[in-house]
Each structure stands twice: as structure tokens, then as C-alpha cells.
Protein backbone atom coordinates (compact mmCIF):
# COMPACT_ATOMS: atom_id res chain seq x y z
CA MET A 1 48.30 100.01 205.42
CA ALA A 2 44.49 100.12 205.15
CA LEU A 3 42.33 97.11 205.96
CA LYS A 4 42.14 94.42 203.31
CA TRP A 5 38.97 92.34 203.16
CA GLU A 6 39.17 88.83 201.71
CA THR A 7 36.35 87.59 199.46
CA GLU A 8 35.24 85.12 202.15
CA GLU A 9 35.09 87.92 204.72
CA LEU A 10 32.99 90.08 202.41
CA GLU A 11 30.49 87.24 202.00
CA ILE A 12 30.23 86.86 205.79
CA LEU A 13 29.74 90.63 206.14
CA LYS A 14 26.89 90.57 203.61
CA LYS A 15 25.10 87.99 205.77
CA ARG A 16 25.43 90.47 208.65
CA GLU A 17 24.07 93.17 206.29
CA VAL A 18 27.37 95.08 206.26
CA ILE A 19 28.62 96.02 202.79
CA ILE A 20 32.03 97.60 202.29
CA PHE A 21 31.06 100.22 199.70
CA SER A 22 34.43 101.92 199.21
CA GLU A 23 37.77 101.55 200.98
CA ASN A 24 40.44 104.08 201.90
CA ILE A 25 38.54 107.15 200.69
CA LYS A 26 38.47 110.86 201.35
CA ARG A 27 35.18 112.38 202.56
CA GLU A 28 35.35 115.14 199.98
CA ASP A 29 35.44 112.55 197.17
CA LEU A 30 31.94 111.28 198.04
CA ASN A 31 29.06 112.68 196.01
CA ASP A 32 26.04 112.60 198.35
CA SER A 33 23.54 112.89 195.52
CA GLU A 34 24.72 109.55 194.10
CA LEU A 35 24.86 107.58 197.37
CA PRO A 36 22.25 105.59 199.30
CA THR A 37 21.17 106.98 202.68
CA ASP A 38 22.49 103.92 204.55
CA ILE A 39 26.13 104.94 203.97
CA HIS A 40 28.32 105.31 207.06
CA LEU A 41 31.86 106.63 207.16
CA VAL A 42 34.19 104.56 209.32
CA GLU A 43 37.35 106.37 210.38
CA TYR A 44 40.03 104.21 211.90
CA ARG A 45 43.71 104.32 212.76
CA ILE A 46 46.40 101.72 212.26
CA GLY A 47 49.63 102.89 213.86
CA THR A 48 49.75 106.62 213.22
CA THR A 49 47.92 106.53 209.89
CA LEU A 50 44.22 107.46 209.59
CA PHE A 51 41.93 105.73 207.09
CA CYS A 52 38.28 106.11 206.08
CA ASP A 53 35.89 103.59 204.50
CA ALA A 54 32.34 104.03 203.24
CA VAL A 55 30.16 101.20 204.51
CA ARG A 56 26.50 100.38 203.85
CA CYS A 57 24.49 99.11 206.80
CA TYR A 58 21.21 99.95 208.49
CA LYS A 59 22.71 100.23 212.00
CA LYS A 60 26.11 101.19 213.38
CA VAL A 61 26.48 98.26 215.79
CA PRO A 62 27.24 95.59 213.14
CA ILE A 63 29.78 97.95 211.54
CA PHE A 64 31.45 98.50 214.90
CA ASP A 65 31.57 94.76 215.58
CA VAL A 66 33.27 93.80 212.31
CA TYR A 67 35.75 96.69 212.33
CA PHE A 68 36.58 96.23 216.01
CA ASP A 69 37.34 92.53 215.47
CA LYS A 70 39.43 93.17 212.34
CA LEU A 71 41.35 96.11 213.83
CA LYS A 72 42.03 94.28 217.09
CA LEU A 73 44.20 91.81 215.17
CA LEU A 74 46.24 94.67 213.66
CA GLY A 75 46.53 96.82 216.77
CA GLY A 76 44.26 99.47 215.24
CA GLU A 77 41.34 101.41 216.64
CA ILE A 78 38.05 102.88 215.46
CA ILE A 79 38.02 106.67 215.60
CA SER A 80 34.41 107.30 214.53
CA ILE A 81 31.42 105.94 212.66
CA THR A 82 29.24 108.68 211.20
CA ASN A 83 26.09 108.61 209.12
CA GLY A 84 23.94 111.18 207.35
CA TYR A 85 25.38 110.76 203.89
CA GLY A 86 23.57 109.93 200.69
CA LYS A 87 20.27 111.08 199.21
CA ILE A 88 18.91 107.94 197.55
CA LYS A 89 16.68 105.50 199.42
CA PRO A 90 18.57 102.19 199.77
CA ASN A 91 15.93 100.11 197.94
CA LEU A 92 15.95 102.54 195.00
CA TYR A 93 19.75 102.63 194.91
CA GLN A 94 19.93 98.85 194.48
CA LYS A 95 17.46 99.01 191.60
CA GLU A 96 19.52 101.73 189.92
CA LYS A 97 22.70 99.66 190.23
CA ALA A 98 20.98 96.63 188.67
CA LYS A 99 20.16 98.55 185.47
């Protein structure tokens, strides 16, 4: 079972500038031309099942911290955090979403 984020947790993450963009995704389903450049893919394992989330954040360290803490409670582990996705500057992406 993939991670489930409660509304309260998502608000705390926003204060840490970590935004869960999309949960339990496949890399090939992402369209780079429509994503902001601050997207990271977080691959993690719970039991024997692999999962992948798209997360917005400027740096990897805050992402690692929140996923490590959450996965520790479930006996899961982080496999990788990769960046280099997206083609839209983050400040322009937010303006597009507001329209």
C-alpha cells in the first residue's frame, strides 16, 4: 500500500516547502513539457512493493526527511530521489495553474 498523506500532514509539508504533486505514479506517465523544473521523483519500497511519487521542492534534503520519517513508521525505505524533470520555471508554473 502506497503512502497516504493526511490533510494536516500536507499543510506541514507545505511549510517545509515540500509539495506532494502526484502519488503512486509511473515515470512514463509524466509529461515533462507540462511540469515545473522543481519536480523530483521519489522511489520507495514498502515490503516488496515499489512506489513512485512526484514531489515539488527546491532541494532533496527536505524530501528525504519527510519520506524517511513517514516510511520509518511503516518499515519502508527510500530507494532514490531523482530530479531533472519538467521544463517550466516554478514561478511560471504557479501562475499558469492560477489561471
